[in-house]
Amino acid sequence: MPDGNNNDNNTSSTVENQEEHPLPHKIHHSDLTKEQTSQAVSISTDHLKNNVTSKDIAVAIKRQFEELHGGTWQVLVGSSFGCSITHETKAVLYFELTASSSVVTVLMFKSAE
């Protein structure tokens, strides 16, 4: 993901606020609002705690974001993947969640119509 953007929302941080997001997570890159970022992490956390598959997490995020924020969202969830994407401005999020002894990586972006 590009690091040259000095946008305030472009963060690389580890968050361990156990009340807001029970699972530790690290935001590698975000062009989304703080609210949208929090929504994506919360959806992922809720599904991961219920031991659902990566596909189920991706579908849940996609459906909720398309309903709440419109457009077409693409979501990749897994432990290892590579990609090259084209996305709308201010519409990409890349983060990791730590659950038990595994790390789940999420990349989501809004694609051009």
Protein backbone atom coordinates (compact mmCIF):
# COMPACT_ATOMS: atom_id res chain seq x y z
CA MET A 1 0.00 0.00 0.00
CA PRO A 2 1.28 3.52 -0.69
CA ASP A 3 3.05 5.22 2.18
CA GLY A 4 3.63 8.62 0.56
CA ASN A 5 0.16 9.98 1.44
CA ASN A 6 0.31 12.24 4.50
CA ASN A 7 -3.46 12.13 5.03
CA ASP A 8 -4.47 12.24 8.72
CA ASN A 9 -6.50 9.06 8.20
CA ASN A 10 -3.49 7.25 6.70
CA THR A 11 -2.36 5.48 9.83
CA SER A 12 -0.14 2.65 10.85
CA SER A 13 -0.95 1.90 14.44
CA THR A 14 -1.75 -0.87 16.83
CA VAL A 15 -4.98 -0.49 18.78
CA GLU A 16 -5.68 -2.54 21.85
CA ASN A 17 -8.74 -0.80 23.25
CA GLN A 18 -10.43 -3.88 24.63
CA GLU A 19 -13.82 -2.21 25.12
CA GLU A 20 -14.26 -0.83 21.60
CA HIS A 21 -12.59 -3.71 19.72
CA PRO A 22 -12.04 -6.81 21.84
CA LEU A 23 -9.38 -8.23 19.49
CA PRO A 24 -6.03 -6.45 19.07
CA HIS A 25 -5.64 -5.03 15.57
CA LYS A 26 -3.19 -3.05 13.50
CA ILE A 27 -4.24 -0.57 10.82
CA HIS A 28 -1.61 -0.62 8.06
CA HIS A 29 -3.33 1.88 5.77
CA SER A 30 -6.65 3.70 5.85
CA ASP A 31 -8.16 6.35 3.62
CA LEU A 32 -11.58 5.81 5.21
CA THR A 33 -13.11 7.94 7.93
CA LYS A 34 -12.47 6.87 11.51
CA GLU A 35 -16.11 5.77 11.76
CA GLN A 36 -15.86 3.57 8.64
CA THR A 37 -12.57 2.08 9.85
CA SER A 38 -14.11 1.30 13.22
CA GLN A 39 -17.15 -0.29 11.54
CA ALA A 40 -14.97 -2.60 9.44
CA VAL A 41 -12.86 -3.67 12.41
CA SER A 42 -15.97 -4.26 14.54
CA ILE A 43 -17.69 -6.39 11.87
CA SER A 44 -14.53 -8.45 11.44
CA THR A 45 -14.04 -8.86 15.18
CA ASP A 46 -17.64 -9.96 15.75
CA HIS A 47 -17.43 -12.61 13.04
CA LEU A 48 -13.96 -13.81 14.01
CA LYS A 49 -15.07 -14.34 17.62
CA ASN A 50 -17.88 -16.57 16.29
CA ASN A 51 -15.33 -18.75 14.43
CA VAL A 52 -16.76 -18.10 10.97
CA THR A 53 -14.73 -18.48 7.79
CA SER A 54 -12.73 -15.75 6.07
CA LYS A 55 -15.32 -15.79 3.29
CA ASP A 56 -18.13 -15.12 5.80
CA ILE A 57 -16.22 -12.15 7.21
CA ALA A 58 -15.64 -10.75 3.71
CA VAL A 59 -19.31 -11.15 2.75
CA ALA A 60 -20.49 -9.49 5.99
CA ILE A 61 -18.21 -6.47 5.52
CA LYS A 62 -19.14 -6.14 1.84
CA ARG A 63 -22.89 -6.29 2.48
CA GLN A 64 -22.83 -3.83 5.37
CA PHE A 65 -20.59 -1.32 3.59
CA GLU A 66 -22.64 -1.43 0.39
CA GLU A 67 -25.79 -0.87 2.43
CA LEU A 68 -24.38 1.92 4.61
CA HIS A 69 -21.99 3.66 2.22
CA GLY A 70 -23.21 2.75 -1.26
CA GLY A 71 -21.18 1.70 -4.25
CA THR A 72 -19.45 -1.59 -4.86
CA TRP A 73 -17.01 -2.77 -2.17
CA GLN A 74 -14.43 -5.51 -2.65
CA VAL A 75 -13.18 -7.34 0.45
CA LEU A 76 -10.30 -9.82 0.78
CA VAL A 77 -9.80 -11.70 4.05
CA GLY A 78 -7.09 -14.24 4.75
CA SER A 79 -3.69 -14.95 6.20
CA SER A 80 -1.61 -14.48 3.06
CA PHE A 81 -2.42 -12.84 -0.27
CA GLY A 82 -1.00 -10.45 -2.81
CA CYS A 83 -2.87 -8.03 -5.02
CA SER A 84 -2.82 -4.97 -7.20
CA ILE A 85 -5.94 -2.81 -7.00
CA THR A 86 -7.60 0.26 -8.44
CA HIS A 87 -9.96 1.99 -6.02
CA GLU A 88 -11.91 5.17 -5.55
CA THR A 89 -10.21 8.01 -3.70
CA LYS A 90 -10.53 7.81 0.09
CA ALA A 91 -11.97 4.30 -0.07
CA VAL A 92 -9.37 1.73 1.00
CA LEU A 93 -8.56 -0.01 4.29
CA TYR A 94 -5.84 -2.57 5.06
CA PHE A 95 -5.60 -4.03 8.56
CA GLU A 96 -4.81 -7.12 10.64
CA LEU A 97 -6.68 -8.72 13.54
CA THR A 98 -5.04 -11.07 16.02
CA ALA A 99 -7.30 -13.89 17.16
CA SER A 100 -5.92 -16.62 19.40
CA SER A 101 -2.61 -17.56 17.79
CA SER A 102 -3.49 -16.49 14.24
CA VAL A 103 -3.44 -13.21 12.36
CA VAL A 104 -6.21 -12.40 9.89
CA THR A 105 -5.54 -9.75 7.25
CA VAL A 106 -8.31 -7.67 5.68
CA LEU A 107 -8.05 -5.53 2.57
CA MET A 108 -11.18 -3.70 1.47
CA PHE A 109 -11.78 -1.02 -1.11
CA LYS A 110 -14.57 0.67 -3.00
CA SER A 111 -14.25 -0.01 -6.71
CA ALA A 112 -15.17 2.43 -9.43
CA GLU A 113 -18.69 2.03 -10.79
